[in-house]
Amino acid sequence: MLFLLFKGIRNVSLKLVPYKENQDKRLVAYGIGRGCGTLLRMNNDHLTKKRFSDLPLDPLIKSSLDEAGFEFCTPVQEETLQYTLDGKDVTGQAQTGTGKTAAFLLAMFQKLLDERDAVPAKPGNIRCLIIAPTRELAIQIASDAKTLGKNTGLKTALVYGGTAYEQQRRQFDKEIDILVGTPGRLIDYFKQKLFTLKHVQALVLDEADRMFDLGFINDIRFLMRRMSEPKKRINMLFSATLSQRVLELAYDHMNSPVKVEIQGETVSARNIEQKVYYPANSEKIPLLIGILQREMPFRTIIFVNTKRNAENIEAFFKGNDIKGAMISGDVRQTKRQRLLTEFEAGKYSCLIATDVAARGLHIPDVTHVINFDLPQMEEDYVHRIGRTARAGASGEAISFACEDTAHFLPQIEAYIEMKLPMEGISADMLPEVKKPIRKPRKPKSNYRGKGGKPNYKGGNHKRNNYNRNKTKSKT
């Protein structure tokens, strides 16, 4: 391990990591540039000694993996692939960022290539269905499918709500092997008879417990009941947590699945440095800005419980020259995707998010996660901090246990089986904060919509005209 000190940059760790035997070595370092102060440290502790080249995968899959730089399996990939490549169904549980997506994609690719002639090739005949609870996760899965299946010749389509309805609809005019989507848009197109599920050879449910949380479970059952029999397809269910209700879904619609659990030392990731502050409500904004100014993190996600808090932080960031973007559930999809892309590209150093971004997203090189509000559900704490320290990297998770959310902390600590280290708040950590710059509010319209009464604030002549017309109508 090489430790170097750059001017203005602290805690830099560089490591030479073997890329492939008898070839070059790759210098792994994240965050150099844009005035960062904390660099992500990468290691290979999250990998096993199992090589993808030793697995019974089609040469087309192996060549795609080779081009993508994949050589060794993660634990969840090694454990699940030994069953799925043998044709067995799997329910898989692992910490976020451990390679679940690649685990089910590789098994699905192999199934479709082994049985490539079993389904007539024509528009509407879907061979694999992958269901994700959120648009962001569906987009990420489709992107990974195109990368890892680059040389297989399998065609992938992506559908999700909120945007590009006709453009997505036109995809069904051509042959599709793999359909990735969110439940609502999938059912919409299915009811229009744009595709059939009778020939499905592989089914994947990702983040299945989130499906329950968002109320999608009836939609999932609707789609599963219209597929081929479970014995005629391979079924894979993956999630960061596997509750009893998720397992009941698996046993109802899968073929005797093997349960695979990959656990670390604790429920939360062991390579995340976690700590908690106890600020007063009035201290939260100054403390947040003070931490960002002192730590100068490369890439930070700040989680809040409400859109109002997100907008408040965004306004203070603008007033204090901090580059930050804000996403929430009601931000339209095109804008949300643009902000996520710009965040990944480095235009913003901070992303302020409600829990819409807490599950399934893989945003690379996130060095810090800050829980401005502690989550109400202890499982959400794990999913939030899982945005950092992905794929064996290290990261930092900072939580504010304020007057409104401190009572959630005992359940969180019990769930992760550790007590979060408490940090004191000194005066120098609470800088003078400039006033927020808020977006101007749109002026209210005088029109109330159909059936509403007219608004007479425009002047008495409007009321007189209204009364005059009313009198005429009676006569």
Protein backbone atom coordinates (compact mmCIF):
# COMPACT_ATOMS: atom_id res chain seq x y z
CA MET A 1 0.00 0.00 0.00
CA LEU A 2 1.32 3.43 -0.96
CA PHE A 3 0.46 6.45 1.18
CA LEU A 4 1.03 9.80 -0.51
CA LEU A 5 0.36 13.35 0.67
CA PHE A 6 -0.80 15.94 -1.83
CA LYS A 7 -1.05 19.63 -1.07
CA GLY A 8 -4.58 20.36 0.11
CA ILE A 9 -5.59 16.69 -0.03
CA ARG A 10 -5.71 14.49 3.08
CA ASN A 11 -6.07 10.76 3.69
CA VAL A 12 -4.93 9.69 0.24
CA SER A 13 -4.51 5.97 -0.26
CA LEU A 14 -3.35 4.41 -3.50
CA LYS A 15 -3.09 0.71 -4.10
CA LEU A 16 -1.69 -1.28 -6.97
CA VAL A 17 -4.24 -3.98 -7.73
CA PRO A 18 -3.46 -6.88 -10.11
CA TYR A 19 -5.82 -6.69 -13.06
CA LYS A 20 -4.96 -9.97 -14.73
CA GLU A 21 -2.14 -12.38 -14.42
CA ASN A 22 0.82 -11.77 -16.76
CA GLN A 23 -0.64 -8.41 -17.75
CA ASP A 24 -0.45 -4.83 -16.54
CA LYS A 25 -1.38 -3.66 -13.08
CA ARG A 26 -4.07 -1.10 -12.50
CA LEU A 27 -3.57 1.81 -10.15
CA VAL A 28 -6.80 2.17 -8.24
CA ALA A 29 -7.49 5.63 -6.86
CA TYR A 30 -10.71 7.57 -6.73
CA GLY A 31 -11.44 11.24 -6.35
CA ILE A 32 -8.30 12.90 -7.68
CA GLY A 33 -9.29 16.30 -8.97
CA ARG A 34 -12.00 18.89 -8.30
CA GLY A 35 -10.41 19.85 -4.97
CA CYS A 36 -11.35 16.65 -3.18
CA GLY A 37 -10.03 16.02 0.28
CA THR A 38 -10.96 12.39 0.90
CA LEU A 39 -10.14 9.59 -1.48
CA LEU A 40 -11.85 6.25 -1.74
CA ARG A 41 -9.63 3.33 -0.81
CA MET A 42 -10.10 0.19 -2.82
CA ASN A 43 -9.12 -3.38 -2.02
CA ASN A 44 -9.87 -6.88 -3.19
CA ASP A 45 -11.19 -8.18 0.13
CA HIS A 46 -14.69 -8.40 -1.33
CA LEU A 47 -13.60 -10.90 -4.01
CA THR A 48 -13.23 -14.65 -3.79
CA LYS A 49 -10.64 -16.87 -5.47
CA LYS A 50 -13.27 -18.19 -7.88
CA ARG A 51 -12.64 -17.05 -11.45
CA PHE A 52 -15.41 -16.49 -13.96
CA SER A 53 -13.28 -18.38 -16.47
CA ASP A 54 -13.68 -21.53 -14.33
CA LEU A 55 -17.48 -21.39 -14.42
CA PRO A 56 -19.52 -23.30 -17.04
CA LEU A 57 -20.42 -20.12 -18.92
CA ASP A 58 -20.86 -19.73 -22.65
CA PRO A 59 -17.74 -18.33 -24.40
CA LEU A 60 -19.79 -15.32 -25.52
CA ILE A 61 -20.49 -14.46 -21.88
CA LYS A 62 -16.87 -14.99 -20.88
CA SER A 63 -15.64 -12.69 -23.63
CA SER A 64 -18.05 -9.98 -22.47
CA LEU A 65 -16.84 -10.37 -18.88
CA ASP A 66 -13.25 -10.24 -20.04
CA GLU A 67 -13.83 -6.98 -21.91
CA ALA A 68 -15.58 -5.49 -18.88
CA GLY A 69 -12.62 -6.38 -16.64
CA PHE A 70 -14.37 -9.05 -14.55
CA GLU A 71 -12.05 -11.82 -13.36
CA PHE A 72 -12.99 -12.98 -9.84
CA CYS A 73 -16.44 -13.57 -8.32
CA THR A 74 -17.80 -11.83 -5.26
CA PRO A 75 -19.17 -14.14 -2.53
CA VAL A 76 -22.81 -13.74 -3.61
CA GLN A 77 -21.86 -14.49 -7.23
CA GLU A 78 -19.89 -17.61 -6.31
CA GLU A 79 -22.61 -18.94 -4.00
CA THR A 80 -25.60 -18.32 -6.26
CA LEU A 81 -24.05 -19.25 -9.62
CA GLN A 82 -23.23 -22.76 -8.43
CA TYR A 83 -26.99 -23.32 -8.15
CA THR A 84 -28.43 -21.18 -10.94
CA LEU A 85 -26.02 -22.48 -13.58
CA ASP A 86 -27.24 -25.94 -12.57
CA GLY A 87 -30.85 -24.87 -13.26
CA LYS A 88 -31.95 -24.34 -9.65
CA ASP A 89 -34.05 -21.40 -8.46
CA VAL A 90 -32.47 -19.08 -5.88
CA THR A 91 -33.53 -16.51 -3.30
CA GLY A 92 -30.44 -14.46 -2.55
CA GLN A 93 -29.70 -12.09 0.32
CA ALA A 94 -26.54 -10.02 0.48
CA GLN A 95 -25.40 -6.59 1.52
CA THR A 96 -25.90 -3.92 -1.09
CA GLY A 97 -23.02 -3.36 -3.48
CA THR A 98 -21.84 -6.96 -3.41
CA GLY A 99 -22.61 -7.90 -7.02
CA LYS A 100 -26.19 -9.22 -6.92
CA THR A 101 -26.97 -7.76 -10.34
CA ALA A 102 -24.15 -9.58 -12.12
CA ALA A 103 -25.09 -12.77 -10.26
CA PHE A 104 -28.58 -12.96 -11.76
CA LEU A 105 -27.61 -11.52 -15.16
CA LEU A 106 -24.99 -14.18 -15.83
CA ALA A 107 -27.31 -17.04 -14.89
CA MET A 108 -30.05 -15.53 -17.06
CA PHE A 109 -27.71 -15.09 -20.05
CA GLN A 110 -26.65 -18.72 -19.80
CA LYS A 111 -30.24 -19.96 -19.65
CA LEU A 112 -31.25 -17.97 -22.74
CA LEU A 113 -28.20 -19.08 -24.73
CA ASP A 114 -28.71 -22.74 -23.77
CA GLU A 115 -32.33 -22.60 -24.95
CA ARG A 116 -32.00 -20.05 -27.75
CA ASP A 117 -34.15 -22.07 -30.17
CA ALA A 118 -36.92 -22.96 -27.71
CA VAL A 119 -38.95 -19.77 -28.30
CA PRO A 120 -40.04 -18.52 -31.75
CA ALA A 121 -38.16 -15.33 -32.55
CA LYS A 122 -40.76 -12.67 -33.18
CA PRO A 123 -41.90 -9.37 -31.64
CA GLY A 124 -43.77 -9.81 -28.37
CA ASN A 125 -42.18 -13.11 -27.33
CA ILE A 126 -40.33 -12.13 -24.16
CA ARG A 127 -37.77 -14.70 -22.97
CA CYS A 128 -36.69 -13.05 -19.73
CA LEU A 129 -38.50 -10.61 -17.43
CA ILE A 130 -36.61 -8.56 -14.83
CA ILE A 131 -38.79 -6.54 -12.44
CA ALA A 132 -37.37 -3.70 -10.34
CA PRO A 133 -39.24 -1.47 -7.85
CA THR A 134 -37.82 1.88 -9.01
CA ARG A 135 -37.01 3.54 -12.29
CA GLU A 136 -33.43 4.23 -11.26
CA LEU A 137 -32.78 0.59 -10.43
CA ALA A 138 -34.38 -0.59 -13.69
CA ILE A 139 -32.15 1.79 -15.67
CA GLN A 140 -29.06 0.51 -13.85
CA ILE A 141 -29.95 -3.15 -14.46
CA ALA A 142 -30.55 -2.55 -18.17
CA SER A 143 -27.22 -0.75 -18.45
CA ASP A 144 -25.39 -3.62 -16.73
CA ALA A 145 -27.17 -6.16 -18.94
CA LYS A 146 -25.92 -4.43 -22.07
CA THR A 147 -22.36 -4.32 -20.69
CA LEU A 148 -22.11 -7.87 -19.36
CA GLY A 149 -24.06 -9.34 -22.31
CA LYS A 150 -22.32 -7.26 -24.97
CA ASN A 151 -21.22 -10.22 -27.11
CA THR A 152 -24.20 -12.51 -26.55
CA GLY A 153 -26.46 -10.96 -29.18
CA LEU A 154 -29.35 -10.84 -26.70
CA LYS A 155 -31.61 -7.81 -27.12
CA THR A 156 -32.63 -5.83 -24.04
CA ALA A 157 -35.56 -3.39 -23.68
CA LEU A 158 -36.25 -1.04 -20.77
CA VAL A 159 -39.63 0.34 -19.68
CA TYR A 160 -40.52 2.55 -16.71
CA GLY A 161 -43.09 5.18 -15.86
CA GLY A 162 -42.90 8.94 -15.94
CA THR A 163 -41.42 9.55 -19.38
CA ALA A 164 -41.08 8.52 -23.05
CA TYR A 165 -44.32 6.53 -23.25
CA GLU A 166 -44.51 6.21 -27.05
CA GLN A 167 -40.77 5.80 -27.46
CA GLN A 168 -40.75 2.88 -25.02
CA ARG A 169 -43.86 1.45 -26.65
CA ARG A 170 -42.19 1.31 -30.06
CA GLN A 171 -39.55 -1.08 -28.70
CA PHE A 172 -42.09 -3.89 -28.94
CA ASP A 173 -42.19 -3.54 -32.73
CA LYS A 174 -38.91 -5.47 -32.74
CA GLU A 175 -37.73 -8.74 -31.19
CA ILE A 176 -36.90 -8.51 -27.46
CA ASP A 177 -35.13 -11.19 -25.44
CA ILE A 178 -34.80 -9.42 -22.09
CA LEU A 179 -37.41 -7.00 -20.75
CA VAL A 180 -36.45 -4.86 -17.75
CA GLY A 181 -39.08 -2.66 -16.15
CA THR A 182 -41.07 -1.34 -13.23
CA PRO A 183 -44.41 -3.01 -12.39
CA GLY A 184 -46.82 -0.26 -13.43
CA ARG A 185 -45.45 0.33 -16.93
CA LEU A 186 -45.00 -3.42 -17.51
CA ILE A 187 -48.68 -4.09 -16.73
CA ASP A 188 -49.75 -1.13 -18.86
CA TYR A 189 -48.01 -2.50 -21.96
CA PHE A 190 -48.98 -6.08 -21.14
CA LYS A 191 -52.68 -5.19 -21.05
CA GLN A 192 -52.26 -3.61 -24.47
CA LYS A 193 -51.04 -7.05 -25.63
CA LEU A 194 -47.71 -5.68 -26.77
CA PHE A 195 -45.98 -8.77 -25.40
CA THR A 196 -46.76 -12.17 -23.94
CA LEU A 197 -45.30 -13.89 -20.88
CA LYS A 198 -46.18 -17.44 -21.97
CA HIS A 199 -42.65 -18.13 -23.21
CA VAL A 200 -40.67 -16.66 -20.30
CA GLN A 201 -37.58 -18.77 -19.61
CA ALA A 202 -36.13 -16.64 -16.80
CA LEU A 203 -37.68 -14.40 -14.15
CA VAL A 204 -35.79 -12.02 -11.86
CA LEU A 205 -37.24 -10.03 -8.97
CA ASP A 206 -34.72 -7.50 -7.65
CA GLU A 207 -35.14 -5.70 -4.31
CA ALA A 208 -38.21 -7.81 -3.62
CA ASP A 209 -38.84 -6.43 -0.15
CA ARG A 210 -38.98 -2.95 -1.63
CA MET A 211 -41.81 -4.21 -3.87
CA PHE A 212 -43.84 -4.81 -0.71
CA ASP A 213 -42.89 -1.42 0.78
CA LEU A 214 -44.10 0.40 -2.34
CA GLY A 215 -47.33 -1.60 -2.62
CA PHE A 216 -46.39 -3.44 -5.84
CA ILE A 217 -46.93 -6.96 -4.61
CA ASN A 218 -50.36 -7.42 -6.25
CA ASP A 219 -48.90 -6.20 -9.54
CA ILE A 220 -46.08 -8.72 -9.21
CA ARG A 221 -48.49 -11.57 -8.59
CA PHE A 222 -50.60 -10.42 -11.57
CA LEU A 223 -47.59 -10.77 -13.88
CA MET A 224 -46.33 -14.03 -12.38
CA ARG A 225 -49.70 -15.74 -12.77
CA ARG A 226 -49.56 -15.09 -16.52
CA MET A 227 -46.19 -16.71 -17.07
CA SER A 228 -45.19 -20.22 -17.91
CA GLU A 229 -45.10 -22.74 -15.06
CA PRO A 230 -42.28 -22.18 -12.52
CA LYS A 231 -40.73 -25.54 -13.50
CA LYS A 232 -40.33 -24.37 -17.10
CA ARG A 233 -38.23 -21.34 -16.21
CA ILE A 234 -35.42 -20.33 -13.85
CA ASN A 235 -36.52 -17.97 -11.09
CA MET A 236 -34.24 -15.68 -9.10
CA LEU A 237 -35.22 -13.36 -6.28
CA PHE A 238 -32.64 -10.99 -4.81
CA SER A 239 -32.79 -8.44 -2.04
CA ALA A 240 -30.72 -6.81 0.66
CA THR A 241 -33.17 -8.23 3.20
CA LEU A 242 -35.40 -11.31 2.99
CA SER A 243 -38.48 -11.06 5.21
CA GLN A 244 -41.03 -13.81 5.76
CA ARG A 245 -43.51 -12.24 3.35
CA VAL A 246 -40.85 -12.18 0.61
CA LEU A 247 -40.06 -15.84 1.19
CA GLU A 248 -43.78 -16.68 0.98
CA LEU A 249 -43.89 -14.98 -2.42
CA ALA A 250 -40.89 -17.04 -3.49
CA TYR A 251 -42.38 -20.35 -2.44
CA ASP A 252 -45.72 -19.53 -4.09
CA HIS A 253 -44.25 -18.73 -7.51
CA MET A 254 -40.84 -20.41 -7.63
CA ASN A 255 -39.65 -23.98 -7.96
CA SER A 256 -38.22 -25.03 -4.56
CA PRO A 257 -35.67 -22.19 -4.43
CA VAL A 258 -32.36 -22.52 -2.66
CA LYS A 259 -31.89 -19.81 -0.02
CA VAL A 260 -28.48 -18.14 -0.19
CA GLU A 261 -27.44 -15.65 2.48
CA ILE A 262 -24.17 -13.75 2.42
CA GLN A 263 -23.61 -11.91 5.68
CA GLY A 264 -20.77 -9.72 6.84
CA GLU A 265 -19.71 -9.25 10.45
CA THR A 266 -22.73 -7.03 10.99
CA VAL A 267 -25.84 -6.15 9.03
CA SER A 268 -24.22 -2.88 7.95
CA ALA A 269 -21.09 -2.92 5.84
CA ARG A 270 -17.95 -3.49 7.87
CA ASN A 271 -15.76 -1.15 5.77
CA ILE A 272 -17.95 1.88 6.48
CA GLU A 273 -16.83 4.18 9.26
CA GLN A 274 -20.02 5.15 11.09
CA LYS A 275 -20.62 7.91 13.63
CA VAL A 276 -23.46 9.99 15.03
CA TYR A 277 -23.84 13.60 16.15
CA TYR A 278 -26.57 14.92 18.48
CA PRO A 279 -27.35 18.43 17.19
CA ALA A 280 -30.26 20.65 18.11
CA ASN A 281 -32.62 21.25 15.19
CA SER A 282 -31.21 24.76 14.74
CA GLU A 283 -27.66 23.34 14.54
CA LYS A 284 -28.27 20.84 11.75
CA ILE A 285 -27.69 23.13 8.77
CA PRO A 286 -24.54 24.78 10.25
CA LEU A 287 -23.20 21.34 11.25
CA LEU A 288 -23.82 19.92 7.79
CA ILE A 289 -22.09 22.83 6.08
CA GLY A 290 -19.25 22.71 8.61
CA ILE A 291 -18.64 19.00 7.96
CA LEU A 292 -18.60 19.54 4.20
CA GLN A 293 -16.21 22.48 4.50
CA ARG A 294 -13.89 20.60 6.86
CA GLU A 295 -13.94 17.15 5.27
CA MET A 296 -14.19 18.32 1.63
CA PRO A 297 -15.62 14.91 0.57
CA PHE A 298 -15.32 13.91 -3.06
CA ARG A 299 -18.89 12.70 -3.53
CA THR A 300 -21.63 12.86 -0.86
CA ILE A 301 -25.25 11.74 -0.67
CA ILE A 302 -27.35 13.52 1.96
CA PHE A 303 -30.54 11.72 2.95
CA VAL A 304 -33.62 13.44 4.35
CA ASN A 305 -37.08 12.23 5.32
CA THR A 306 -39.09 15.00 3.69
CA LYS A 307 -39.04 17.03 0.50
CA ARG A 308 -39.28 20.20 2.61
CA ASN A 309 -35.94 19.43 4.30
CA ALA A 310 -34.38 18.63 0.93
CA GLU A 311 -35.48 21.97 -0.51
CA ASN A 312 -34.23 23.78 2.60
CA ILE A 313 -30.77 22.22 2.32
CA GLU A 314 -30.65 23.01 -1.39
CA ALA A 315 -31.44 26.67 -0.66
CA PHE A 316 -28.70 26.92 1.98
CA PHE A 317 -26.21 25.23 -0.38
CA LYS A 318 -26.92 27.86 -3.02
CA GLY A 319 -26.42 30.63 -0.46
CA ASN A 320 -23.14 29.13 0.74
CA ASP A 321 -21.58 28.24 -2.63
CA ILE A 322 -21.89 24.46 -2.27
CA LYS A 323 -22.65 22.59 -5.46
CA GLY A 324 -25.58 20.31 -4.76
CA ALA A 325 -28.48 18.71 -6.61
CA MET A 326 -31.81 17.64 -5.12
CA ILE A 327 -34.01 14.70 -6.13
CA SER A 328 -37.29 13.54 -4.62
CA GLY A 329 -40.26 11.46 -5.64
CA ASP A 330 -42.07 14.22 -7.50
CA VAL A 331 -39.10 15.42 -9.56
CA ARG A 332 -39.96 14.42 -13.11
CA GLN A 333 -38.02 11.46 -14.44
CA THR A 334 -36.04 13.23 -17.18
CA LYS A 335 -34.77 15.85 -14.74
CA ARG A 336 -34.00 13.26 -12.07
CA GLN A 337 -31.97 11.14 -14.47
CA ARG A 338 -30.12 14.22 -15.73
CA LEU A 339 -29.21 15.25 -12.17
CA LEU A 340 -27.98 11.73 -11.34
CA THR A 341 -25.84 11.70 -14.48
CA GLU A 342 -24.40 15.12 -13.66
CA PHE A 343 -23.71 14.02 -10.09
CA GLU A 344 -21.80 10.99 -11.35
CA ALA A 345 -19.90 13.21 -13.82
CA GLY A 346 -18.76 15.50 -11.01
CA LYS A 347 -20.81 18.60 -11.74
CA TYR A 348 -22.20 18.40 -8.20
CA SER A 349 -20.29 17.23 -5.13
CA CYS A 350 -23.47 16.61 -3.12
CA LEU A 351 -26.76 14.89 -3.88
CA ILE A 352 -29.69 15.66 -1.56
CA ALA A 353 -32.20 12.83 -1.71
CA THR A 354 -35.27 11.39 -0.13
CA ASP A 355 -35.38 7.60 0.08
CA VAL A 356 -36.22 7.37 -3.63
CA ALA A 357 -32.44 7.06 -4.15
CA ALA A 358 -31.71 4.81 -1.19
CA ARG A 359 -32.25 1.45 -2.89
CA GLY A 360 -30.68 -0.12 -5.91
CA LEU A 361 -28.72 2.81 -7.29
CA HIS A 362 -25.06 2.25 -8.02
CA ILE A 363 -23.45 5.67 -8.02
CA PRO A 364 -19.70 5.05 -8.15
CA ASP A 365 -17.14 6.55 -5.79
CA VAL A 366 -19.52 7.89 -3.12
CA THR A 367 -17.17 8.64 -0.24
CA HIS A 368 -19.67 9.95 2.31
CA VAL A 369 -23.31 9.37 3.23
CA ILE A 370 -24.92 11.83 5.64
CA ASN A 371 -28.24 11.06 7.30
CA PHE A 372 -29.50 14.60 7.87
CA ASP A 373 -32.61 12.88 9.22
CA LEU A 374 -32.39 9.44 10.78
CA PRO A 375 -34.72 7.07 8.89
CA GLN A 376 -37.86 5.80 10.55
CA MET A 377 -37.18 2.20 9.46
CA GLU A 378 -33.96 0.58 10.62
CA GLU A 379 -33.62 -1.35 7.33
CA ASP A 380 -33.52 1.98 5.48
CA TYR A 381 -30.44 2.97 7.46
CA VAL A 382 -28.56 0.00 6.02
CA HIS A 383 -29.75 0.73 2.49
CA ARG A 384 -28.82 4.39 2.80
CA ILE A 385 -25.27 3.89 4.02
CA GLY A 386 -24.88 1.14 1.42
CA ARG A 387 -24.53 3.88 -1.22
CA THR A 388 -20.90 4.18 -0.07
CA ALA A 389 -18.22 1.50 0.32
CA ARG A 390 -19.46 -0.45 -2.68
CA ALA A 391 -17.49 -3.27 -4.29
CA GLY A 392 -14.93 -3.47 -1.49
CA ALA A 393 -14.26 0.27 -1.19
CA SER A 394 -14.27 2.16 2.11
CA GLY A 395 -16.55 5.03 3.03
CA GLU A 396 -17.96 7.13 5.83
CA ALA A 397 -21.52 7.37 7.16
CA ILE A 398 -22.48 10.33 9.37
CA SER A 399 -25.86 10.58 11.09
CA PHE A 400 -27.63 13.43 12.86
CA ALA A 401 -29.73 12.29 15.83
CA CYS A 402 -31.69 15.51 16.31
CA GLU A 403 -34.65 16.39 18.49
CA ASP A 404 -37.10 14.97 15.95
CA THR A 405 -35.37 11.70 14.98
CA ALA A 406 -33.10 10.65 17.87
CA HIS A 407 -35.75 8.19 19.09
CA PHE A 408 -35.16 6.08 15.94
CA LEU A 409 -31.53 5.41 16.92
CA PRO A 410 -32.02 2.53 19.43
CA GLN A 411 -33.87 0.41 16.83
CA ILE A 412 -31.18 1.14 14.24
CA GLU A 413 -28.37 0.15 16.61
CA ALA A 414 -30.19 -3.03 17.58
CA TYR A 415 -30.68 -3.94 13.91
CA ILE A 416 -27.04 -3.38 12.89
CA GLU A 417 -25.82 -4.99 16.12
CA MET A 418 -23.50 -2.17 17.07
CA LYS A 419 -23.60 1.11 18.94
CA LEU A 420 -22.75 4.06 16.73
CA PRO A 421 -19.76 6.05 18.05
CA MET A 422 -20.87 9.47 19.31
CA GLU A 423 -19.02 12.57 18.16
CA GLY A 424 -19.02 15.86 20.05
CA ILE A 425 -19.96 19.17 18.42
CA SER A 426 -17.46 21.95 19.04
CA ALA A 427 -17.99 25.64 18.29
CA ASP A 428 -15.63 25.57 15.29
CA MET A 429 -17.86 22.91 13.65
CA LEU A 430 -20.76 25.39 13.46
CA PRO A 431 -19.66 28.11 11.05
CA GLU A 432 -21.55 31.30 10.32
CA VAL A 433 -24.01 30.34 7.60
CA LYS A 434 -25.06 32.73 4.86
CA LYS A 435 -28.74 33.21 4.11
CA PRO A 436 -30.42 30.63 1.86
CA ILE A 437 -31.27 31.44 -1.73
CA ARG A 438 -34.73 30.06 -2.32
CA LYS A 439 -36.51 29.50 -5.59
CA PRO A 440 -39.15 32.15 -6.29
CA ARG A 441 -42.61 30.77 -5.77
CA LYS A 442 -44.90 30.64 -8.77
CA PRO A 443 -47.74 33.18 -8.52
CA LYS A 444 -51.09 31.64 -7.71
CA SER A 445 -53.60 31.60 -10.51
CA ASN A 446 -57.03 33.22 -10.06
CA TYR A 447 -58.55 30.23 -11.82
CA ARG A 448 -59.74 27.50 -9.47
CA GLY A 449 -60.55 24.89 -12.05
CA LYS A 450 -63.78 23.33 -13.14
CA GLY A 451 -66.68 23.82 -10.75
CA GLY A 452 -64.89 26.42 -8.62
CA LYS A 453 -66.17 29.91 -7.92
CA PRO A 454 -64.59 32.88 -9.74
CA ASN A 455 -61.90 34.81 -7.87
CA TYR A 456 -62.97 38.48 -7.50
CA LYS A 457 -59.62 39.90 -6.38
CA GLY A 458 -59.19 41.51 -9.78
CA GLY A 459 -61.71 44.29 -9.01
CA ASN A 460 -65.38 45.00 -8.33
CA HIS A 461 -66.23 45.25 -12.03
CA LYS A 462 -65.76 41.47 -12.31
CA ARG A 463 -68.26 40.86 -9.53
CA ASN A 464 -70.71 43.31 -11.12
CA ASN A 465 -70.36 41.65 -14.52
CA TYR A 466 -70.92 38.26 -12.91
CA ASN A 467 -74.08 39.49 -11.10
CA ARG A 468 -75.36 41.19 -14.26
CA ASN A 469 -74.96 37.99 -16.29
CA LYS A 470 -76.60 35.98 -13.53
CA THR A 471 -79.63 38.32 -13.63
CA LYS A 472 -79.92 38.00 -17.41
CA SER A 473 -79.84 34.20 -17.20
CA LYS A 474 -82.83 34.25 -14.83
CA THR A 475 -84.83 36.34 -17.26
